Structure formats: structure tokens, C-alpha cells
Amino acid sequence: MVNPNSCTHDAGYTINTNSLPWLPLAPKVTIKIIKLVPSTGEYSIMVHAEPGGILPRHRHLENAEIYILKGSGAHPQTGEFVQGDYVSEAKGATHDAVVFGDEVELLMVSRGASVFLGEDGEELYTMDVNWLRNFREGFR
């Protein structure tokens, strides 16, 4: 993976996402960690869900933008989506669990952390830059 902080120019960089591993996040849901920006708290990930996959209930502490790369489904709060759709998730929004009926792949660019919640609303863990870094390191 390219480290954006190690670039010797300011023209940008390319990350070959095909070379990144899929890491298990939830039942039948995996992620690829593409970019982590510790100075701002922003991160970019790809999410792959198999049919029957469940993304747990969560709350966005900052805005997130999602582009649907593959598949279709329905999000309890933002509605139905298909390949090519753009989904904007607002700071402070709490989203119920998403159950994937079809295979779905998406790109999420988050401006900050999301807190994953248990059935009774208790905070289970916070997905942020540090959590994602440690999560990735746990699979090396």
C-alpha cells in the first residue's frame, strides 16, 4: 500500500486496490483499507458484502460519502440503492443494521469516525483511523 506521507511530490498517487486484502469486519462483510489520514481523521475503505451479510447498527460522528460499485439493496434510513448510486450519510446520523440481500461492493470516504452499536444502543467500538490501522496490523 502506498503511504501518502512518503510521496516526494504533491501531484498525488495511485493505490492498486486489487493488491489490498479483504479483512473480515462483520458476518459476511469484509473491508479493504485504502487510505488513512491521521491528521484529519478521514479514511477511505471498500466494503464487500455477500448475500446475508449484516453491517451492524452504527452512528456517524462525521459525514460519509458512499459510491455503489456493484450490486443493489436497501438501507433502512437512506433508501434503496443500485450500482452507480451515490449515498450521502450525515454527521450524527444513526443507521440501523443493513442486511444485504445481494452481493454488494461499495467505496466509502468518511470524514471521521463511526461508532458501532449493540442491540441496546451500547457502544461496541469506534471505527476511526487508529482502529483501522490496528485492525489492519492484526492481519499482517
C-alpha atoms as a PDB file:
ATOM      1  CA  MET A   1       0.000   0.000   0.000  1.00  0.00           C
ATOM      2  CA  VAL A   2       1.270   3.457  -0.845  1.00  0.00           C
ATOM      3  CA  ASN A   3       1.895   5.725   2.112  1.00  0.00           C
ATOM      4  CA  PRO A   4       0.630   9.178   1.046  1.00  0.00           C
ATOM      5  CA  ASN A   5       3.016  10.784   3.555  1.00  0.00           C
ATOM      6  CA  SER A   6       6.025   9.230   1.799  1.00  0.00           C
ATOM      7  CA  CYS A   7       5.323  10.827  -1.599  1.00  0.00           C
ATOM      8  CA  THR A   8       8.094  13.164  -2.685  1.00  0.00           C
ATOM      9  CA  HIS A   9       5.814  15.340  -4.793  1.00  0.00           C
ATOM     10  CA  ASP A  10       2.400  16.931  -4.403  1.00  0.00           C
ATOM     11  CA  ALA A  11       0.881  15.652  -7.632  1.00  0.00           C
ATOM     12  CA  GLY A  12      -0.959  12.752  -5.979  1.00  0.00           C
ATOM     13  CA  TYR A  13      -0.555   8.999  -6.044  1.00  0.00           C
ATOM     14  CA  THR A  14      -2.242   5.774  -7.127  1.00  0.00           C
ATOM     15  CA  ILE A  15      -3.145   2.841  -4.907  1.00  0.00           C
ATOM     16  CA  ASN A  16      -3.645  -0.557  -6.519  1.00  0.00           C
ATOM     17  CA  THR A  17      -6.694  -1.704  -4.559  1.00  0.00           C
ATOM     18  CA  ASN A  18      -6.534  -5.148  -6.190  1.00  0.00           C
ATOM     19  CA  SER A  19      -3.396  -5.827  -4.125  1.00  0.00           C
ATOM     20  CA  LEU A  20      -5.088  -4.973  -0.808  1.00  0.00           C
ATOM     21  CA  PRO A  21      -6.511  -7.796   1.317  1.00  0.00           C
ATOM     22  CA  TRP A  22     -10.171  -8.148   2.213  1.00  0.00           C
ATOM     23  CA  LEU A  23     -10.407  -8.134   6.027  1.00  0.00           C
ATOM     24  CA  PRO A  24     -13.414  -9.551   7.932  1.00  0.00           C
ATOM     25  CA  LEU A  25     -15.480  -6.812   9.613  1.00  0.00           C
ATOM     26  CA  ALA A  26     -18.835  -8.471  10.321  1.00  0.00           C
ATOM     27  CA  PRO A  27     -20.704 -11.642   9.290  1.00  0.00           C
ATOM     28  CA  LYS A  28     -20.231 -11.942   5.504  1.00  0.00           C
ATOM     29  CA  VAL A  29     -18.877  -8.362   5.336  1.00  0.00           C
ATOM     30  CA  THR A  30     -15.229  -7.579   4.524  1.00  0.00           C
ATOM     31  CA  ILE A  31     -13.318  -4.342   4.001  1.00  0.00           C
ATOM     32  CA  LYS A  32     -10.232  -3.114   2.171  1.00  0.00           C
ATOM     33  CA  ILE A  33      -8.492  -0.262   3.937  1.00  0.00           C
ATOM     34  CA  ILE A  34      -7.409   2.102   1.181  1.00  0.00           C
ATOM     35  CA  LYS A  35      -6.369   5.351   2.829  1.00  0.00           C
ATOM     36  CA  LEU A  36      -5.945   6.596   6.391  1.00  0.00           C
ATOM     37  CA  VAL A  37      -5.334  10.282   7.142  1.00  0.00           C
ATOM     38  CA  PRO A  38      -4.356  10.643  10.813  1.00  0.00           C
ATOM     39  CA  SER A  39      -4.048  14.445  10.630  1.00  0.00           C
ATOM     40  CA  THR A  40      -7.756  14.852   9.721  1.00  0.00           C
ATOM     41  CA  GLY A  41      -9.327  11.570  10.870  1.00  0.00           C
ATOM     42  CA  GLU A  42     -10.525  10.827   7.345  1.00  0.00           C
ATOM     43  CA  TYR A  43     -10.373   7.366   5.813  1.00  0.00           C
ATOM     44  CA  SER A  44     -11.369   5.536   2.648  1.00  0.00           C
ATOM     45  CA  ILE A  45     -12.436   1.895   2.597  1.00  0.00           C
ATOM     46  CA  MET A  46     -14.082  -0.531   0.229  1.00  0.00           C
ATOM     47  CA  VAL A  47     -16.815  -2.736   1.653  1.00  0.00           C
ATOM     48  CA  HIS A  48     -17.823  -6.106   0.186  1.00  0.00           C
ATOM     49  CA  ALA A  49     -20.954  -7.839   1.424  1.00  0.00           C
ATOM     50  CA  GLU A  50     -22.128 -11.295   0.488  1.00  0.00           C
ATOM     51  CA  PRO A  51     -25.840 -12.133   0.419  1.00  0.00           C
ATOM     52  CA  GLY A  52     -26.946 -12.407   4.041  1.00  0.00           C
ATOM     53  CA  GLY A  53     -24.173 -10.103   5.242  1.00  0.00           C
ATOM     54  CA  ILE A  54     -25.018  -7.693   8.036  1.00  0.00           C
ATOM     55  CA  LEU A  55     -23.415  -4.316   8.675  1.00  0.00           C
ATOM     56  CA  PRO A  56     -24.194  -3.581  12.351  1.00  0.00           C
ATOM     57  CA  ARG A  57     -26.087  -0.549  13.629  1.00  0.00           C
ATOM     58  CA  HIS A  58     -23.801   2.487  13.784  1.00  0.00           C
ATOM     59  CA  ARG A  59     -23.621   6.253  14.263  1.00  0.00           C
ATOM     60  CA  HIS A  60     -21.580   8.603  12.095  1.00  0.00           C
ATOM     61  CA  LEU A  61     -19.532  11.132  14.068  1.00  0.00           C
ATOM     62  CA  GLU A  62     -18.724  12.877  10.773  1.00  0.00           C
ATOM     63  CA  ASN A  63     -20.099  12.858   7.224  1.00  0.00           C
ATOM     64  CA  ALA A  64     -19.503   9.912   4.917  1.00  0.00           C
ATOM     65  CA  GLU A  65     -19.889   9.526   1.174  1.00  0.00           C
ATOM     66  CA  ILE A  66     -20.580   6.178  -0.461  1.00  0.00           C
ATOM     67  CA  TYR A  67     -20.430   5.119  -4.105  1.00  0.00           C
ATOM     68  CA  ILE A  68     -22.060   1.782  -5.011  1.00  0.00           C
ATOM     69  CA  LEU A  69     -19.616  -0.147  -7.216  1.00  0.00           C
ATOM     70  CA  LYS A  70     -21.593  -3.387  -7.529  1.00  0.00           C
ATOM     71  CA  GLY A  71     -24.982  -4.776  -6.612  1.00  0.00           C
ATOM     72  CA  SER A  72     -28.140  -3.325  -5.130  1.00  0.00           C
ATOM     73  CA  GLY A  73     -30.008  -3.262  -1.858  1.00  0.00           C
ATOM     74  CA  ALA A  74     -31.846  -1.139   0.643  1.00  0.00           C
ATOM     75  CA  HIS A  75     -30.560   0.957   3.515  1.00  0.00           C
ATOM     76  CA  PRO A  76     -33.078   1.399   6.350  1.00  0.00           C
ATOM     77  CA  GLN A  77     -32.552   5.177   6.555  1.00  0.00           C
ATOM     78  CA  THR A  78     -31.256   6.284   3.134  1.00  0.00           C
ATOM     79  CA  GLY A  79     -33.392   4.007   0.940  1.00  0.00           C
ATOM     80  CA  GLU A  80     -32.831   1.705  -1.990  1.00  0.00           C
ATOM     81  CA  PHE A  81     -29.565   1.780  -3.929  1.00  0.00           C
ATOM     82  CA  VAL A  82     -28.173   0.263  -7.124  1.00  0.00           C
ATOM     83  CA  GLN A  83     -24.798   0.142  -8.828  1.00  0.00           C
ATOM     84  CA  GLY A  84     -23.682   3.674  -9.682  1.00  0.00           C
ATOM     85  CA  ASP A  85     -25.630   5.378  -6.888  1.00  0.00           C
ATOM     86  CA  TYR A  86     -24.074   7.942  -4.559  1.00  0.00           C
ATOM     87  CA  VAL A  87     -25.175   7.937  -0.908  1.00  0.00           C
ATOM     88  CA  SER A  88     -24.505  10.811   1.475  1.00  0.00           C
ATOM     89  CA  GLU A  89     -24.562   9.999   5.188  1.00  0.00           C
ATOM     90  CA  ALA A  90     -24.812  12.930   7.583  1.00  0.00           C
ATOM     91  CA  LYS A  91     -22.777  13.729  10.661  1.00  0.00           C
ATOM     92  CA  GLY A  92     -24.636  12.466  13.722  1.00  0.00           C
ATOM     93  CA  ALA A  93     -26.879  10.061  11.773  1.00  0.00           C
ATOM     94  CA  THR A  94     -27.623   6.714  13.405  1.00  0.00           C
ATOM     95  CA  HIS A  95     -28.234   3.868  10.974  1.00  0.00           C
ATOM     96  CA  ASP A  96     -29.931   0.593  11.727  1.00  0.00           C
ATOM     97  CA  ALA A  97     -28.230  -2.636  10.684  1.00  0.00           C
ATOM     98  CA  VAL A  98     -28.020  -3.120   6.931  1.00  0.00           C
ATOM     99  CA  VAL A  99     -28.869  -6.655   5.801  1.00  0.00           C
ATOM    100  CA  PHE A 100     -27.567  -7.355   2.303  1.00  0.00           C
ATOM    101  CA  GLY A 101     -29.814  -9.488   0.111  1.00  0.00           C
ATOM    102  CA  ASP A 102     -27.406  -9.388  -2.824  1.00  0.00           C
ATOM    103  CA  GLU A 103     -23.661  -9.185  -3.244  1.00  0.00           C
ATOM    104  CA  VAL A 104     -22.678  -5.515  -2.840  1.00  0.00           C
ATOM    105  CA  GLU A 105     -19.409  -3.663  -3.171  1.00  0.00           C
ATOM    106  CA  LEU A 106     -19.006  -0.002  -2.298  1.00  0.00           C
ATOM    107  CA  LEU A 107     -16.430   2.701  -1.734  1.00  0.00           C
ATOM    108  CA  MET A 108     -16.828   4.777   1.423  1.00  0.00           C
ATOM    109  CA  VAL A 109     -14.961   8.011   2.083  1.00  0.00           C
ATOM    110  CA  SER A 110     -15.524   9.028   5.685  1.00  0.00           C
ATOM    111  CA  ARG A 111     -14.635  12.397   7.179  1.00  0.00           C
ATOM    112  CA  GLY A 112     -14.262  10.781  10.602  1.00  0.00           C
ATOM    113  CA  ALA A 113     -15.215   8.007  12.978  1.00  0.00           C
ATOM    114  CA  SER A 114     -18.297   5.796  13.150  1.00  0.00           C
ATOM    115  CA  VAL A 115     -19.422   4.168  16.390  1.00  0.00           C
ATOM    116  CA  PHE A 116     -20.816   0.647  16.087  1.00  0.00           C
ATOM    117  CA  LEU A 117     -23.717  -0.034  18.415  1.00  0.00           C
ATOM    118  CA  GLY A 118     -25.149  -3.080  20.148  1.00  0.00           C
ATOM    119  CA  GLU A 119     -28.809  -4.102  20.205  1.00  0.00           C
ATOM    120  CA  ASP A 120     -29.491  -1.909  23.244  1.00  0.00           C
ATOM    121  CA  GLY A 121     -27.635   1.081  21.806  1.00  0.00           C
ATOM    122  CA  GLU A 122     -24.451   0.474  23.784  1.00  0.00           C
ATOM    123  CA  GLU A 123     -21.220   1.492  22.059  1.00  0.00           C
ATOM    124  CA  LEU A 124     -19.289  -1.599  20.931  1.00  0.00           C
ATOM    125  CA  TYR A 125     -16.308   0.020  19.202  1.00  0.00           C
ATOM    126  CA  THR A 126     -15.323   3.148  17.301  1.00  0.00           C
ATOM    127  CA  MET A 127     -14.082   2.723  13.755  1.00  0.00           C
ATOM    128  CA  ASP A 128     -11.574   5.514  13.240  1.00  0.00           C
ATOM    129  CA  VAL A 129      -8.103   5.889  11.727  1.00  0.00           C
ATOM    130  CA  ASN A 130      -6.359   4.346  14.759  1.00  0.00           C
ATOM    131  CA  TRP A 131      -8.826   1.451  14.992  1.00  0.00           C
ATOM    132  CA  LEU A 132      -8.466   0.733  11.252  1.00  0.00           C
ATOM    133  CA  ARG A 133      -4.649   0.875  11.461  1.00  0.00           C
ATOM    134  CA  ASN A 134      -4.616  -1.581  14.383  1.00  0.00           C
ATOM    135  CA  PHE A 135      -7.217  -3.785  12.687  1.00  0.00           C
ATOM    136  CA  ARG A 136      -5.091  -3.990   9.524  1.00  0.00           C
ATOM    137  CA  GLU A 137      -1.920  -4.690  11.518  1.00  0.00           C
ATOM    138  CA  GLY A 138      -3.669  -7.592  13.242  1.00  0.00           C
ATOM    139  CA  PHE A 139      -3.826  -9.437   9.880  1.00  0.00           C
ATOM    140  CA  ARG A 140      -0.194  -8.964   8.844  1.00  0.00           C
END
